[in-house]
Amino acid sequence: MARPRIDIDYKKAKKLAEIQCTIAEIAHVMEVSITKLQRDAEFRVMYDREREKGKTSLRRMQWASARKGNVAMLIWLGKQYLAQSDKQSLVADVEVKRSASELTDDELIAIVQSGRSGGTAAPSPVA
C-alpha cells in the first residue's frame, strides 16, 4: 500500500521562508520530510524568493529604525556598511628584569604551577 500523498501548504511555507526559517524548520512545522521540500521545484523557487524578500524587509525596517535615531541601529549599520569598529587599545608599561631563557628550570616550573604568566614578584622556590 502506498503512502498517502502529503501536499505542501505553499502559503504557510512562504510565510516561514520570509522570516528566514530553514528548510528543516519548515519541514518540521508542516510535518513533511526535508527531502520532500528539497525535491519540490516549486518550493525551492518560492523558498529562495521569499527569503530574499524577508531580508529586504528586515533591512528596510533597520534603516527606518536608524532614521528615527535608534543609536544601537546606527552603530550596527555603521559597522556593517562603513567598516566602523569599536577599537580598543591596551598599553602596558612593563619592566623585564630577566628573560625566560635566563630562568632556571625550577623557576619556570614554579611559574607554570602557580598559574602566573609573569609579574614583578619573584617565583616561590620549588620544594
Protein backbone atom coordinates (compact mmCIF):
# COMPACT_ATOMS: atom_id res chain seq x y z
CA MET A 1 0.00 0.00 0.00
CA ALA A 2 1.42 3.40 -0.99
CA ARG A 3 1.90 6.21 1.47
CA PRO A 4 -0.77 8.90 1.44
CA ARG A 5 0.16 11.95 -0.61
CA ILE A 6 1.04 14.97 1.52
CA ASP A 7 0.54 18.30 -0.19
CA ILE A 8 2.79 21.22 0.65
CA ASP A 9 0.98 24.24 2.06
CA TYR A 10 2.82 26.84 -0.03
CA LYS A 11 1.07 29.75 1.68
CA LYS A 12 2.36 28.67 5.11
CA ALA A 13 5.80 27.79 3.69
CA LYS A 14 6.00 31.24 2.09
CA LYS A 15 5.43 32.98 5.44
CA LEU A 16 8.01 30.78 7.16
CA ALA A 17 10.61 31.35 4.43
CA GLU A 18 10.11 35.10 4.65
CA ILE A 19 11.09 35.08 8.34
CA GLN A 20 14.25 33.12 7.43
CA CYS A 21 13.20 29.67 8.64
CA THR A 22 15.44 26.88 7.39
CA ILE A 23 14.08 24.12 5.19
CA ALA A 24 14.40 21.76 8.16
CA GLU A 25 12.30 24.10 10.31
CA ILE A 26 9.64 24.45 7.62
CA ALA A 27 9.54 20.68 7.16
CA HIS A 28 9.06 20.23 10.90
CA VAL A 29 6.23 22.79 11.13
CA MET A 30 4.50 21.36 8.07
CA GLU A 31 5.10 17.75 9.13
CA VAL A 32 6.75 16.74 5.86
CA SER A 33 10.25 15.43 5.19
CA ILE A 34 13.12 17.73 4.36
CA THR A 35 13.71 15.65 1.24
CA LYS A 36 10.15 16.27 0.05
CA LEU A 37 10.71 20.01 0.22
CA GLN A 38 14.17 19.85 -1.35
CA ARG A 39 12.86 17.81 -4.29
CA ASP A 40 9.89 20.08 -4.96
CA ALA A 41 10.91 22.54 -7.70
CA GLU A 42 8.07 24.98 -6.95
CA PHE A 43 9.01 25.04 -3.26
CA ARG A 44 12.71 25.68 -3.97
CA VAL A 45 11.95 28.66 -6.22
CA MET A 46 9.44 30.07 -3.72
CA TYR A 47 11.80 29.45 -0.78
CA ASP A 48 14.70 31.38 -2.32
CA ARG A 49 12.45 34.24 -3.46
CA GLU A 50 10.70 34.62 -0.08
CA ARG A 51 13.92 34.50 1.93
CA GLU A 52 15.31 37.35 -0.18
CA LYS A 53 12.07 39.31 0.28
CA GLY A 54 12.36 38.77 4.04
CA LYS A 55 15.94 40.06 4.06
CA THR A 56 14.86 43.15 2.11
CA SER A 57 12.00 43.76 4.53
CA LEU A 58 14.29 43.41 7.54
CA ARG A 59 16.84 45.75 6.00
CA ARG A 60 14.10 48.31 5.33
CA MET A 61 12.98 48.15 8.98
CA GLN A 62 16.57 48.51 10.22
CA TRP A 63 17.12 51.63 8.13
CA ALA A 64 13.79 53.05 9.28
CA SER A 65 14.83 52.43 12.88
CA ALA A 66 18.17 54.15 12.30
CA ARG A 67 16.46 57.13 10.65
CA LYS A 68 14.33 57.53 13.78
CA GLY A 69 17.54 57.89 15.79
CA ASN A 70 17.95 54.38 17.22
CA VAL A 71 21.57 54.68 18.36
CA ALA A 72 22.18 50.92 18.55
CA MET A 73 20.97 50.50 14.97
CA LEU A 74 23.09 53.44 13.78
CA ILE A 75 26.17 51.86 15.36
CA TRP A 76 25.37 48.41 13.95
CA LEU A 77 24.77 49.72 10.43
CA GLY A 78 27.97 51.77 10.64
CA LYS A 79 29.92 48.62 11.49
CA GLN A 80 28.25 46.66 8.69
CA TYR A 81 28.50 49.17 5.87
CA LEU A 82 31.14 51.72 6.83
CA ALA A 83 33.82 49.43 8.31
CA GLN A 84 33.47 51.19 11.63
CA SER A 85 34.51 49.29 14.74
CA ASP A 86 34.94 49.58 18.46
CA LYS A 87 38.69 49.92 18.64
CA GLN A 88 40.22 49.19 21.96
CA SER A 89 43.86 49.53 22.80
CA LEU A 90 45.80 48.37 25.77
CA VAL A 91 49.05 49.99 26.74
CA ALA A 92 51.24 48.31 29.30
CA ASP A 93 54.36 49.70 30.93
CA VAL A 94 56.36 46.60 31.72
CA GLU A 95 59.87 46.27 33.02
CA VAL A 96 61.53 42.99 32.10
CA LYS A 97 64.12 42.07 34.68
CA ARG A 98 65.09 38.71 33.21
CA SER A 99 64.15 36.92 30.02
CA ALA A 100 62.65 33.44 30.14
CA SER A 101 65.90 31.99 28.83
CA GLU A 102 67.66 33.25 31.97
CA LEU A 103 65.29 31.46 34.38
CA THR A 104 66.21 28.10 35.88
CA ASP A 105 64.06 25.03 35.24
CA ASP A 106 62.79 25.19 38.83
CA GLU A 107 61.76 28.84 38.40
CA LEU A 108 59.93 28.07 35.15
CA ILE A 109 58.13 25.11 36.74
CA ALA A 110 57.10 27.28 39.71
CA ILE A 111 55.66 29.93 37.37
CA VAL A 112 53.67 27.36 35.40
CA GLN A 113 52.37 25.64 38.54
CA SER A 114 51.30 28.92 40.14
CA GLY A 115 49.41 29.95 37.01
CA ARG A 116 51.36 33.18 36.69
CA SER A 117 52.44 34.42 33.31
CA GLY A 118 54.90 36.90 34.73
CA GLY A 119 54.88 39.88 37.01
CA THR A 120 57.22 41.60 39.39
CA ALA A 121 57.22 39.18 42.31
CA ALA A 122 59.92 36.54 42.33
CA PRO A 123 58.69 32.95 41.87
CA SER A 124 58.34 30.92 45.02
CA PRO A 125 61.02 28.26 45.47
CA VAL A 126 60.18 24.69 44.47
CA ALA A 127 60.25 22.32 47.38
